[in-house]
């Protein structure tokens, strides 16, 4: 049966490798993908924008992408694909199928729904019987829920095809599942009708008419109220503070670079006709070099004056970290309203030899997250800027301290206690960081220095993102000056940030991918063998850090997608949270 039949379906793919033949490519060519799932090999077809390469190579592609699933190709039926009962997202109402035949083939379509109260019989935009088109064509199947019932509906589309030369009938059965929900309007009308004791069997015609008009009036009122609510929400959407209210359930590595002919050259999201970006693009911020140094100490103090407290309320205890000019103390803060109460804090401060510029940068960078409220963020709470005293910045205390130092400590003890921290724990930390960054992205706040060194952790493995004040001094090996008199976290930066000094939510996503790599390697330094002056050239040529030992392919695919050269091709933090949460749940199923 010489025909091809494919379906455009959103698929959640764990790890994909594409083998390219030894030839020169042009953009928008079509290649075949192979996905390994439950020991079953499925053929896919995707359109991918490629760079020219001289040698055959593999490439890793982001999970959660749109793809085209072949059911019939080159006269062969893909029974594995037909056996899948794919889940259709609740918000998706239309499925698209592509088909064509090389010779005359007649078809007949039929549909079955296991619950007609929850879903109507599917509708298609072609006749239910006829001939398979000779040219590549697309038809649409509409799955419309009635809104009357909550039910996980199974839909069967049966396609019978007959070749004229032989009267044999080939039957293809396509199964889909979709969760239908009862609409709020239906529930509202139900309670209204109950209130007026409407009896559809015994009611008189006049009562039915009265109920009909009441129902119409209620519908109009509800629609009017919904329209007003939507308008108000739209006007105030930019001012509303969103807080995450979803509860997140609670390794050694190999260093080196992947060559362009191996597995991690350039990571791109598949660019198919169905691959629409569900979230708007990130705003881009161009930072002028040394812009922080243009702020004076007086201006920096003025910006934090409203949270300034007396030095007498602060007691310094142990030194937790120390650099050339900066220190972080474990401190005690006396409550202002009740001096008998105390709470533990981090205290960031400077030494006597600190310059005015260094003090100004500490105060300015400490204010980066000020005023933001999220369980995975750690903004400053108070400052001490009294004359004659060293400036101090106070943050809530996390008893296991800096995340990077914690990870390295775990690596030191893992030989004696390999279960001290599990892979599931590390993924849980990554989810928390992604949640915090997703909140920042919604508020259009760009961190610009996301890394394990700028996170803290407590004994419950709760992770919080903090600012980068004093990080250059406390972690000097993580920052490099590339001739512009500015220390930057070169190994964590996206290419556009390195070259053009452009920062956005997408550049934060790149840094998150490196931070995830830090988690899986227990605090190792990325690109440790690469000269910082060569980083931009290496990234342009497609080099990336290698997959850590014991890091699952699915998790490395998440890292890889964060390192796409085109910022628009990187996932959004909301997508990363979803993918990592699903992976975390899958890990939990095996524990």
Protein backbone atom coordinates (compact mmCIF):
# COMPACT_ATOMS: atom_id res chain seq x y z
CA UNK A 1 0.00 0.00 0.00
CA UNK A 2 2.09 2.94 -1.23
CA UNK A 3 1.03 5.72 1.12
CA UNK A 4 2.36 7.81 3.96
CA UNK A 5 0.32 8.72 7.03
CA UNK A 6 1.67 10.92 9.84
CA UNK A 7 0.26 12.72 12.84
CA UNK A 8 1.32 16.10 14.24
CA UNK A 9 1.45 15.44 17.96
CA UNK A 10 3.16 17.15 20.91
CA UNK A 11 5.47 14.51 22.36
CA UNK A 12 7.48 14.57 25.57
CA UNK A 13 10.79 13.07 24.47
CA UNK A 14 13.46 12.14 26.95
CA UNK A 15 16.64 11.95 24.88
CA UNK A 16 17.03 12.03 21.12
CA UNK A 17 20.04 11.45 18.96
CA UNK A 18 20.09 12.33 15.27
CA UNK A 19 22.54 10.73 12.89
CA UNK A 20 23.35 12.87 9.91
CA UNK A 21 24.87 11.42 6.72
CA UNK A 22 28.27 12.61 5.50
CA UNK A 23 27.12 15.49 3.32
CA UNK A 24 26.59 19.25 3.34
CA UNK A 25 23.20 20.45 4.52
CA UNK A 26 20.96 23.38 3.82
CA UNK A 27 18.36 24.82 6.16
CA UNK A 28 14.96 23.16 6.58
CA UNK A 29 15.96 19.68 5.38
CA UNK A 30 13.98 16.65 6.58
CA UNK A 31 15.68 13.88 8.56
CA UNK A 32 14.54 10.84 10.49
CA UNK A 33 14.71 10.69 14.27
CA UNK A 34 14.93 7.56 16.38
CA UNK A 35 13.40 7.60 19.87
CA UNK A 36 14.03 4.78 22.33
CA UNK A 37 11.03 4.37 24.66
CA UNK A 38 10.24 1.20 26.60
CA UNK A 39 12.55 -0.78 24.32
CA UNK A 40 10.47 0.24 21.31
CA UNK A 41 11.99 2.11 18.40
CA UNK A 42 9.70 4.65 16.77
CA UNK A 43 10.38 6.59 13.61
CA UNK A 44 9.73 10.32 13.62
CA UNK A 45 10.10 13.03 11.02
CA UNK A 46 11.18 16.53 11.97
CA UNK A 47 12.41 19.69 10.27
CA UNK A 48 15.64 20.99 11.76
CA UNK A 49 17.69 24.09 10.97
CA UNK A 50 21.31 22.98 10.66
CA UNK A 51 24.73 24.50 10.40
CA UNK A 52 27.03 23.15 7.73
CA UNK A 53 29.30 20.35 8.92
CA UNK A 54 32.00 18.43 7.16
CA UNK A 55 31.79 15.27 9.25
CA UNK A 56 28.92 13.06 10.43
CA UNK A 57 28.00 13.76 14.01
CA UNK A 58 25.36 13.31 16.65
CA UNK A 59 23.35 16.04 18.20
CA UNK A 60 21.22 16.14 21.34
CA UNK A 61 17.86 17.87 21.24
CA UNK A 62 15.53 19.31 23.86
CA UNK A 63 12.79 17.28 25.38
CA UNK A 64 9.16 18.49 25.21
CA UNK A 65 9.09 19.24 21.49
CA UNK A 66 6.59 18.87 18.70
CA UNK A 67 7.16 16.03 16.28
CA UNK A 68 5.56 14.17 13.38
CA UNK A 69 4.75 10.55 14.11
CA UNK A 70 4.69 8.11 11.17
CA UNK A 71 1.96 5.49 11.11
CA UNK A 72 2.47 4.32 7.51
CA UNK A 73 5.65 4.87 5.54
CA UNK A 74 7.03 3.18 2.44
CA UNK A 75 4.14 0.69 2.47
CA UNK A 76 4.97 -0.36 6.05
CA UNK A 77 2.56 0.08 8.95
CA UNK A 78 4.11 1.22 12.21
CA UNK A 79 2.17 -1.01 14.60
CA UNK A 80 4.10 0.31 17.56
CA UNK A 81 2.89 3.82 16.84
CA UNK A 82 -0.69 2.63 16.35
CA UNK A 83 -0.59 0.86 19.70
CA UNK A 84 0.05 4.13 21.56
CA UNK A 85 -2.96 5.68 23.26
CA UNK A 86 -1.56 9.21 23.31
CA UNK A 87 -2.82 11.74 25.86
CA UNK A 88 -4.14 14.94 24.28
CA UNK A 89 -3.53 18.07 26.41
CA UNK A 90 -6.68 19.55 27.92
CA UNK A 91 -6.21 22.82 26.04
CA UNK A 92 -5.79 21.07 22.65
CA UNK A 93 -8.98 20.70 20.61
CA UNK A 94 -7.59 19.90 17.15
CA UNK A 95 -5.31 17.12 15.90
CA UNK A 96 -3.74 17.27 12.44
CA UNK A 97 -2.88 14.29 10.25
CA UNK A 98 -0.77 14.38 7.09
CA UNK A 99 -1.30 11.80 4.35
CA UNK A 100 -0.85 11.05 0.66
CA UNK A 101 -0.71 8.03 -1.63
CA UNK A 102 1.21 7.25 -4.81
CA UNK A 103 -1.68 5.32 -6.37
CA UNK A 104 -5.44 5.20 -6.04
CA UNK A 105 -6.53 4.19 -2.54
CA UNK A 106 -10.06 4.50 -1.20
CA UNK A 107 -10.70 5.24 2.46
CA UNK A 108 -13.54 5.31 4.95
CA UNK A 109 -13.46 7.03 8.34
CA UNK A 110 -15.33 6.08 11.51
CA UNK A 111 -15.25 7.31 15.11
CA UNK A 112 -16.04 5.94 18.55
CA UNK A 113 -16.17 7.79 21.88
CA UNK A 114 -16.49 5.86 25.12
CA UNK A 115 -18.54 8.60 26.82
CA UNK A 116 -20.80 10.80 24.71
CA UNK A 117 -21.85 12.84 27.74
CA UNK A 118 -18.30 14.09 28.14
CA UNK A 119 -17.31 14.47 24.46
CA UNK A 120 -19.12 14.84 21.16
CA UNK A 121 -18.33 12.59 18.20
CA UNK A 122 -15.13 13.98 16.62
CA UNK A 123 -15.53 16.10 13.50
CA UNK A 124 -13.12 16.19 10.55
CA UNK A 125 -12.74 18.73 7.75
CA UNK A 126 -12.81 16.03 5.04
CA UNK A 127 -15.53 13.68 3.87
CA UNK A 128 -15.91 10.43 5.78
CA UNK A 129 -15.14 8.42 2.67
CA UNK A 130 -13.33 9.03 -0.59
CA UNK A 131 -9.85 8.73 -2.07
CA UNK A 132 -6.55 9.38 -0.33
CA UNK A 133 -5.04 12.51 -1.94
CA UNK A 134 -2.07 12.02 -4.28
CA UNK A 135 -0.27 15.09 -2.92
CA UNK A 136 0.83 15.72 0.65
CA UNK A 137 -2.29 16.98 2.46
CA UNK A 138 -3.40 17.67 6.01
CA UNK A 139 -6.78 17.03 7.58
CA UNK A 140 -8.01 18.09 10.99
CA UNK A 141 -9.85 16.12 13.67
CA UNK A 142 -11.71 18.18 16.25
CA UNK A 143 -12.08 16.85 19.81
CA UNK A 144 -14.71 18.94 21.59
CA UNK A 145 -15.68 18.32 25.20
CA UNK A 146 -19.31 18.98 26.12
CA UNK A 147 -18.50 20.50 29.50
CA UNK A 148 -21.17 18.34 31.12
CA UNK A 149 -18.95 15.78 32.82
CA UNK A 150 -15.49 15.20 34.26
CA UNK A 151 -14.14 12.17 32.41
CA UNK A 152 -10.97 10.83 30.80
CA UNK A 153 -12.38 10.11 27.34
CA UNK A 154 -10.93 7.53 24.97
CA UNK A 155 -11.45 8.30 21.28
CA UNK A 156 -11.00 5.78 18.48
CA UNK A 157 -10.58 6.89 14.86
CA UNK A 158 -10.82 3.94 12.46
CA UNK A 159 -9.46 4.36 8.95
CA UNK A 160 -10.26 1.63 6.42
CA UNK A 161 -8.21 1.76 3.20
CA UNK A 162 -8.78 -0.31 0.07
CA UNK A 163 -6.55 -0.64 -2.99
CA UNK A 164 -8.64 -1.05 -6.15
CA UNK A 165 -6.39 -3.73 -7.64
CA UNK A 166 -6.97 -5.93 -4.59
CA UNK A 167 -10.13 -5.74 -2.56
CA UNK A 168 -8.21 -6.28 0.67
CA UNK A 169 -9.08 -3.78 3.38
CA UNK A 170 -6.37 -2.40 5.61
CA UNK A 171 -7.66 -1.15 8.95
CA UNK A 172 -5.80 1.49 10.99
CA UNK A 173 -7.06 2.29 14.49
CA UNK A 174 -5.85 5.51 16.12
CA UNK A 175 -6.48 5.95 19.84
CA UNK A 176 -6.35 9.18 21.77
CA UNK A 177 -7.21 10.12 25.34
CA UNK A 178 -8.39 13.51 26.50
CA UNK A 179 -9.42 14.69 29.94
CA UNK A 180 -12.72 16.57 29.74
CA UNK A 181 -13.91 18.74 32.61
CA UNK A 182 -17.31 19.97 33.63
CA UNK A 183 -17.61 23.66 32.84
CA UNK A 184 -18.18 26.13 35.65
CA UNK A 185 -21.24 27.46 33.82
CA UNK A 186 -22.82 24.00 33.80
CA UNK A 187 -22.25 23.69 37.55
CA UNK A 188 -23.70 27.15 38.13
CA UNK A 189 -26.83 26.43 36.09
CA UNK A 190 -27.23 23.09 37.84
CA UNK A 191 -27.39 24.77 41.24
CA UNK A 192 -29.74 27.47 39.92
CA UNK A 193 -32.14 24.85 38.56
CA UNK A 194 -31.93 22.90 41.80
CA UNK A 195 -32.78 26.07 43.71
CA UNK A 196 -36.00 26.61 41.75
CA UNK A 197 -36.84 22.87 41.94
CA UNK A 198 -36.97 22.47 38.18
CA UNK A 199 -38.38 19.05 37.20
CA UNK A 200 -37.79 18.30 33.51
CA UNK A 201 -40.38 15.47 33.52
CA UNK A 202 -43.33 16.97 35.37
CA UNK A 203 -42.84 20.65 34.64
CA UNK A 204 -45.55 22.40 32.69
CA UNK A 205 -44.71 24.18 29.40
CA UNK A 206 -45.01 27.56 31.12
CA UNK A 207 -42.53 26.49 33.78
CA UNK A 208 -40.13 25.29 31.08
CA UNK A 209 -40.37 28.63 29.33
CA UNK A 210 -39.76 30.48 32.58
CA UNK A 211 -36.76 28.31 33.38
CA UNK A 212 -35.41 28.85 29.87
CA UNK A 213 -35.52 32.63 30.24
CA UNK A 214 -33.98 32.42 33.71
CA UNK A 215 -31.17 30.27 32.32
CA UNK A 216 -30.53 32.69 29.47
CA UNK A 217 -30.43 35.58 31.93
CA UNK A 218 -28.03 33.76 34.20
CA UNK A 219 -25.78 32.93 31.22
CA UNK A 220 -25.68 36.56 30.14
CA UNK A 221 -24.91 37.70 33.68
CA UNK A 222 -22.11 35.17 34.05
CA UNK A 223 -20.60 36.14 30.69
CA UNK A 224 -20.76 39.82 31.62
CA UNK A 225 -19.08 39.19 34.98
CA UNK A 226 -16.37 37.07 33.38
CA UNK A 227 -15.66 39.82 30.85
CA UNK A 228 -15.30 42.41 33.63
CA UNK A 229 -13.02 40.13 35.65
CA UNK A 230 -10.81 39.45 32.64
CA UNK A 231 -10.53 43.15 31.90
CA UNK A 232 -9.55 43.94 35.49
CA UNK A 233 -7.00 41.13 35.55
CA UNK A 234 -5.50 42.35 32.30
CA UNK A 235 -5.13 45.91 33.58
CA UNK A 236 -3.49 44.77 36.81
CA UNK A 237 -1.48 41.83 35.51
CA UNK A 238 1.78 43.78 35.47
CA UNK A 239 1.30 44.86 39.08
CA UNK A 240 0.25 41.53 40.54
CA UNK A 241 2.86 39.60 42.53
CA UNK A 242 2.66 35.92 41.79
CA UNK A 243 3.80 33.52 44.48
CA UNK A 244 4.48 29.86 43.80
CA UNK A 245 1.84 27.84 45.64
CA UNK A 246 2.60 24.43 44.27
CA UNK A 247 4.42 22.07 46.63
CA UNK A 248 7.53 20.48 45.17
CA UNK A 249 7.98 16.85 46.33
CA UNK A 250 10.85 16.04 48.12
CA UNK A 251 28.08 11.55 41.19
CA UNK A 252 31.06 12.06 40.24
CA UNK A 253 31.73 13.56 36.79
CA UNK A 254 34.17 13.54 33.93
CA UNK A 255 35.77 16.84 33.02
CA UNK A 256 36.51 17.83 29.46
CA UNK A 257 35.05 19.10 26.24
CA UNK A 258 33.02 17.40 23.59
CA UNK A 259 34.41 17.67 20.09
CA UNK A 260 32.13 18.88 17.31
CA UNK A 261 31.89 15.35 15.96
CA UNK A 262 30.49 13.91 19.18
CA UNK A 263 27.41 14.21 21.30
CA UNK A 264 27.32 17.81 22.55
CA UNK A 265 28.24 20.27 19.84
CA UNK A 266 25.28 22.58 19.44
CA UNK A 267 21.94 22.08 21.13
CA UNK A 268 18.91 23.16 19.17
CA UNK A 269 15.21 22.76 19.63
CA UNK A 270 13.56 21.10 16.66
CA UNK A 271 12.07 23.67 14.33
CA UNK A 272 8.96 22.03 12.90
CA UNK A 273 5.92 23.76 11.40
CA UNK A 274 3.96 22.87 14.54
CA UNK A 275 6.54 24.09 16.99
CA UNK A 276 5.05 27.29 18.34
CA UNK A 277 6.59 29.03 21.31
CA UNK A 278 3.94 29.06 24.05
CA UNK A 279 5.57 31.78 26.12
CA UNK A 280 6.49 35.25 24.99
CA UNK A 281 10.11 36.14 24.42
CA UNK A 282 12.32 37.35 27.23
CA UNK A 283 13.12 41.06 27.39
CA UNK A 284 16.76 41.78 26.62
CA UNK A 285 18.88 44.13 28.68
CA UNK A 286 22.13 45.56 27.39
CA UNK A 287 24.50 46.35 30.26
CA UNK A 288 27.06 49.05 29.70
CA UNK A 289 30.44 48.02 31.04
CA UNK A 290 31.19 49.10 34.60
CA UNK A 291 27.68 50.53 34.99
CA UNK A 292 27.67 49.54 38.68
CA UNK A 293 30.80 51.59 39.23
CA UNK A 294 28.97 54.70 38.04
CA UNK A 295 26.87 54.58 41.24
CA UNK A 296 28.36 56.55 44.12
CA UNK A 297 28.53 55.29 47.70
CA UNK A 298 26.15 58.02 48.80
CA UNK A 299 23.59 56.93 46.19
CA UNK A 300 23.96 53.27 47.17
CA UNK A 301 23.36 54.09 50.84
CA UNK A 302 20.36 56.26 49.99
CA UNK A 303 18.67 53.36 48.18
CA UNK A 304 18.81 51.11 51.25
CA UNK A 305 18.26 53.77 53.91
CA UNK A 306 14.69 52.61 54.59
CA UNK A 307 15.88 49.18 55.80
CA UNK A 308 18.84 50.46 57.82
CA UNK A 309 19.14 49.36 61.45
CA UNK A 310 21.38 50.15 64.40
CA UNK A 311 24.71 48.38 64.80
CA UNK A 312 23.78 47.61 68.41
CA UNK A 313 21.19 45.05 67.27
CA UNK A 314 23.81 42.93 65.43
CA UNK A 315 26.13 40.40 67.06
CA UNK A 316 28.81 38.81 64.89
CA UNK A 317 29.73 35.18 65.57
CA UNK A 318 31.72 32.78 63.36
CA UNK A 319 33.31 33.74 60.03
CA UNK A 320 31.70 31.52 57.38
CA UNK A 321 33.58 32.77 54.31
CA UNK A 322 36.43 35.20 53.82
CA UNK A 323 38.03 36.81 50.80
CA UNK A 324 40.55 39.54 50.13
CA UNK A 325 38.29 42.39 51.23
CA UNK A 326 34.98 40.74 52.15
CA UNK A 327 33.62 38.44 54.83
CA UNK A 328 30.40 36.58 55.57
CA UNK A 329 29.56 36.05 59.25
CA UNK A 330 27.04 33.96 61.10
CA UNK A 331 25.26 36.65 63.09
CA UNK A 332 22.50 37.27 65.60
CA UNK A 333 19.88 40.00 65.11
CA UNK A 334 17.95 41.32 68.11
CA UNK A 335 14.28 41.98 67.39
CA UNK A 336 13.40 45.66 67.49
CA UNK A 337 9.99 45.29 69.14
CA UNK A 338 11.02 42.55 71.57
CA UNK A 339 14.72 42.69 72.56
CA UNK A 340 14.38 39.31 74.28
CA UNK A 341 13.92 37.64 70.89
CA UNK A 342 16.76 36.91 68.51
CA UNK A 343 17.10 35.40 65.06
CA UNK A 344 20.04 34.06 63.12
CA UNK A 345 21.26 35.90 60.03
CA UNK A 346 23.99 35.99 57.43
CA UNK A 347 26.04 39.19 57.69
CA UNK A 348 27.97 40.34 54.62
CA UNK A 349 30.57 42.99 55.35
CA UNK A 350 33.97 44.29 54.28
CA UNK A 351 37.43 44.57 55.79
CA UNK A 352 39.29 47.78 56.57
CA UNK A 353 41.20 47.72 53.28
CA UNK A 354 38.04 47.64 51.15
CA UNK A 355 37.79 50.54 48.73
CA UNK A 356 34.79 52.81 48.32
CA UNK A 357 34.02 51.17 44.96
CA UNK A 358 34.00 47.72 46.56
CA UNK A 359 31.69 48.88 49.35
CA UNK A 360 29.38 50.51 46.79
CA UNK A 361 29.24 47.34 44.70
CA UNK A 362 28.40 45.25 47.77
CA UNK A 363 25.47 47.50 48.68
CA UNK A 364 24.25 47.78 45.08
CA UNK A 365 24.48 44.09 44.22
CA UNK A 366 22.92 43.12 47.56
CA UNK A 367 19.78 45.04 46.55
CA UNK A 368 19.24 42.97 43.39
CA UNK A 369 16.48 40.80 44.90
CA UNK A 370 15.19 43.30 47.43
CA UNK A 371 11.41 43.42 47.75
CA UNK A 372 10.85 40.06 46.05
CA UNK A 373 9.03 37.34 47.98
CA UNK A 374 9.38 33.69 47.03
CA UNK A 375 10.26 30.54 48.94
CA UNK A 376 13.30 29.98 46.72
CA UNK A 377 14.73 33.52 46.92
CA UNK A 378 16.84 35.02 49.71
CA UNK A 379 16.74 38.84 49.48
CA UNK A 380 18.34 41.16 52.02
CA UNK A 381 16.27 42.17 55.04
CA UNK A 382 18.39 44.89 56.69
CA UNK A 383 21.56 46.91 56.30
CA UNK A 384 23.79 48.78 58.71
CA UNK A 385 25.29 51.93 57.21
CA UNK A 386 26.11 53.97 60.29
CA UNK A 387 28.98 56.43 60.07
CA UNK A 388 32.21 55.04 61.49
CA UNK A 389 31.03 51.43 61.10
CA UNK A 390 31.79 48.97 58.33
CA UNK A 391 28.68 48.61 56.14
CA UNK A 392 26.81 45.36 56.76
CA UNK A 393 24.15 43.54 54.78
CA UNK A 394 21.84 41.07 56.56
CA UNK A 395 20.05 38.06 55.07
CA UNK A 396 18.03 35.23 56.69
CA UNK A 397 20.23 32.38 57.89
CA UNK A 398 20.42 28.98 56.13
CA UNK A 399 22.32 26.58 58.36
CA UNK A 400 24.13 24.60 55.64
CA UNK A 401 25.35 27.75 53.99
CA UNK A 402 26.68 28.24 50.48
CA UNK A 403 25.44 25.64 47.99
CA UNK A 404 28.73 25.30 46.10
CA UNK A 405 30.71 24.68 49.30
CA UNK A 406 28.03 22.23 50.44
CA UNK A 407 28.25 20.25 47.18
CA UNK A 408 32.02 20.04 47.41
CA UNK A 409 31.77 18.84 51.00
CA UNK A 410 29.36 16.12 49.82
CA UNK A 411 31.92 15.05 47.24
CA UNK A 412 34.59 14.73 49.92
CA UNK A 413 32.47 12.46 52.09
CA UNK A 414 30.71 10.46 49.37
CA UNK A 415 33.41 7.77 49.42
CA UNK A 416 32.58 7.02 53.06
CA UNK A 417 28.87 7.70 52.75
CA UNK A 418 27.71 7.36 49.14
CA UNK A 419 24.07 7.82 50.15
CA UNK A 420 24.71 11.19 51.82
CA UNK A 421 22.98 12.94 48.94
CA UNK A 422 21.05 11.18 46.21
CA UNK A 423 20.46 11.99 42.58
CA UNK A 424 16.83 12.63 43.44
CA UNK A 425 17.94 15.19 46.04
CA UNK A 426 20.05 16.97 43.42
CA UNK A 427 17.13 17.10 40.97
CA UNK A 428 14.94 18.45 43.77
CA UNK A 429 17.48 21.25 44.31
CA UNK A 430 17.43 22.02 40.58
CA UNK A 431 13.63 22.25 40.62
CA UNK A 432 13.76 24.75 43.47
CA UNK A 433 16.31 26.91 41.65
CA UNK A 434 14.19 26.76 38.47
CA UNK A 435 11.09 27.78 40.46
CA UNK A 436 12.88 30.78 41.90
CA UNK A 437 14.16 31.79 38.47
CA UNK A 438 10.71 31.30 36.96
CA UNK A 439 9.39 33.80 39.50
CA UNK A 440 12.15 36.26 38.57
CA UNK A 441 11.34 35.79 34.88
CA UNK A 442 7.68 36.60 35.51
CA UNK A 443 8.74 39.76 37.31
CA UNK A 444 11.15 40.56 34.43
CA UNK A 445 14.12 40.50 36.82
CA UNK A 446 17.40 39.31 35.27
CA UNK A 447 19.85 37.75 37.72
CA UNK A 448 22.93 37.80 35.42
CA UNK A 449 25.04 35.62 37.76
CA UNK A 450 23.13 32.44 38.52
CA UNK A 451 25.45 29.73 39.85
CA UNK A 452 25.75 27.34 42.78
CA UNK A 453 27.98 29.89 44.56
CA UNK A 454 25.04 32.31 44.61
CA UNK A 455 22.63 29.87 46.25
CA UNK A 456 22.30 28.74 49.86
CA UNK A 457 20.87 25.58 51.44
CA UNK A 458 19.58 24.37 54.80
CA UNK A 459 19.40 20.97 56.51
CA UNK A 460 15.99 20.30 54.91
CA UNK A 461 17.65 20.62 51.48
CA UNK A 462 15.70 23.79 50.81
CA UNK A 463 17.60 25.89 48.29
CA UNK A 464 17.32 29.65 47.86
CA UNK A 465 18.83 31.94 45.24
CA UNK A 466 20.65 34.97 46.57
CA UNK A 467 22.49 37.93 45.08
CA UNK A 468 26.11 37.93 43.91
CA UNK A 469 27.43 40.53 46.37
CA UNK A 470 31.03 39.64 47.39
CA UNK A 471 31.03 36.57 45.09
CA UNK A 472 33.92 37.93 43.02
CA UNK A 473 36.00 38.20 46.18
CA UNK A 474 34.91 34.92 47.81
CA UNK A 475 35.14 32.81 44.62
CA UNK A 476 37.91 34.54 42.62
CA UNK A 477 38.58 31.48 40.43
CA UNK A 478 35.04 31.68 39.04
CA UNK A 479 35.51 35.21 37.68
CA UNK A 480 37.87 36.49 35.01
CA UNK A 481 38.78 39.85 33.56
CA UNK A 482 38.92 39.72 29.75
CA UNK A 483 40.79 42.96 29.27
CA UNK A 484 37.86 45.26 30.02
CA UNK A 485 38.70 45.73 33.72
CA UNK A 486 35.53 43.87 34.75
CA UNK A 487 35.47 40.50 36.51
CA UNK A 488 32.78 38.34 34.97
CA UNK A 489 31.63 34.71 35.48
CA UNK A 490 32.83 33.77 31.99
CA UNK A 491 32.23 30.01 32.28
CA UNK A 492 28.59 30.51 33.28
CA UNK A 493 27.72 33.17 30.71
CA UNK A 494 25.73 32.81 27.50
CA UNK A 495 27.48 33.67 24.26
CA UNK A 496 25.48 36.86 23.67
CA UNK A 497 26.40 38.03 27.18
CA UNK A 498 30.08 37.32 26.61
CA UNK A 499 30.28 38.98 23.21
CA UNK A 500 27.63 41.72 23.26
CA UNK A 501 27.07 42.20 27.01
CA UNK A 502 23.39 41.41 26.47
CA UNK A 503 21.44 39.82 29.32
CA UNK A 504 17.93 38.41 29.36
CA UNK A 505 15.89 35.64 30.88
CA UNK A 506 17.33 33.42 28.15
CA UNK A 507 20.89 34.16 29.29
CA UNK A 508 19.78 33.21 32.81
CA UNK A 509 18.52 29.91 31.34
CA UNK A 510 22.01 29.27 29.94
CA UNK A 511 23.49 29.88 33.40
CA UNK A 512 20.88 27.55 34.90
CA UNK A 513 22.07 24.78 32.59
CA UNK A 514 25.62 25.25 33.92
CA UNK A 515 24.28 25.36 37.49
CA UNK A 516 22.48 22.07 36.88
CA UNK A 517 25.80 20.65 35.66
CA UNK A 518 27.40 21.89 38.89
CA UNK A 519 24.76 20.05 40.91
CA UNK A 520 25.31 16.78 39.08
CA UNK A 521 29.12 17.04 39.45
CA UNK A 522 28.93 18.06 43.13
CA UNK A 523 30.44 21.48 42.64
CA UNK A 524 33.08 20.99 39.96
CA UNK A 525 34.16 23.94 37.82
CA UNK A 526 32.83 23.92 34.23
CA UNK A 527 35.21 24.36 31.28
CA UNK A 528 38.11 24.12 33.72
CA UNK A 529 40.66 23.34 30.97
CA UNK A 530 39.62 26.21 28.69
CA UNK A 531 41.33 29.58 28.70
CA UNK A 532 38.66 32.18 29.58
CA UNK A 533 39.83 34.30 26.63
CA UNK A 534 38.93 31.38 24.32
CA UNK A 535 35.46 30.71 25.74
CA UNK A 536 33.52 32.75 23.18
CA UNK A 537 35.30 31.05 20.27
CA UNK A 538 34.72 27.59 21.78
CA UNK A 539 31.02 28.25 22.26
CA UNK A 540 30.66 29.59 18.71
CA UNK A 541 32.30 26.42 17.38
CA UNK A 542 29.72 24.30 19.17
CA UNK A 543 31.75 23.01 22.11
CA UNK A 544 29.98 22.26 25.40
CA UNK A 545 30.89 20.64 28.69
CA UNK A 546 30.64 16.86 28.66
CA UNK A 547 27.87 14.81 30.20
CA UNK A 548 28.74 14.05 33.84
CA UNK A 549 29.31 10.44 34.84
CA UNK A 550 26.15 8.89 36.33
CA UNK A 551 24.05 11.74 34.93
CA UNK A 552 20.98 10.26 33.16
CA UNK A 553 20.60 11.06 29.48
CA UNK A 554 17.23 12.69 30.17
CA UNK A 555 18.76 15.10 32.65
CA UNK A 556 21.69 15.94 30.40
CA UNK A 557 19.19 16.68 27.63
CA UNK A 558 17.70 19.35 29.91
CA UNK A 559 21.14 20.89 30.38
CA UNK A 560 21.87 20.69 26.67
CA UNK A 561 18.75 22.55 25.63
CA UNK A 562 19.74 25.48 27.87
CA UNK A 563 22.89 25.98 25.78
CA UNK A 564 21.36 26.69 22.37
CA UNK A 565 23.22 29.52 20.61
CA UNK A 566 19.97 31.27 19.68
CA UNK A 567 18.35 32.67 22.87
CA UNK A 568 14.89 32.13 21.38
CA UNK A 569 15.60 28.41 21.07
CA UNK A 570 16.23 27.95 24.79
CA UNK A 571 13.39 26.75 27.00
CA UNK A 572 11.65 29.02 29.46
CA UNK A 573 12.02 28.41 33.19
CA UNK A 574 8.37 27.39 33.39
CA UNK A 575 9.09 24.57 30.94
CA UNK A 576 12.22 23.56 32.84
CA UNK A 577 10.25 23.32 36.09
CA UNK A 578 7.72 21.05 34.41
CA UNK A 579 10.30 18.78 32.80
CA UNK A 580 12.43 18.48 35.93
CA UNK A 581 9.38 17.82 38.11
CA UNK A 582 8.31 14.96 35.85
CA UNK A 583 11.84 13.56 35.87
CA UNK A 584 11.96 13.85 39.68
CA UNK A 585 8.68 11.93 39.92
CA UNK A 586 10.06 9.23 37.61
CA UNK A 587 13.13 8.87 39.83
CA UNK A 588 10.87 8.53 42.87
CA UNK A 589 9.00 5.67 41.24
CA UNK A 590 12.17 3.58 41.30
CA UNK A 591 13.11 4.33 44.90
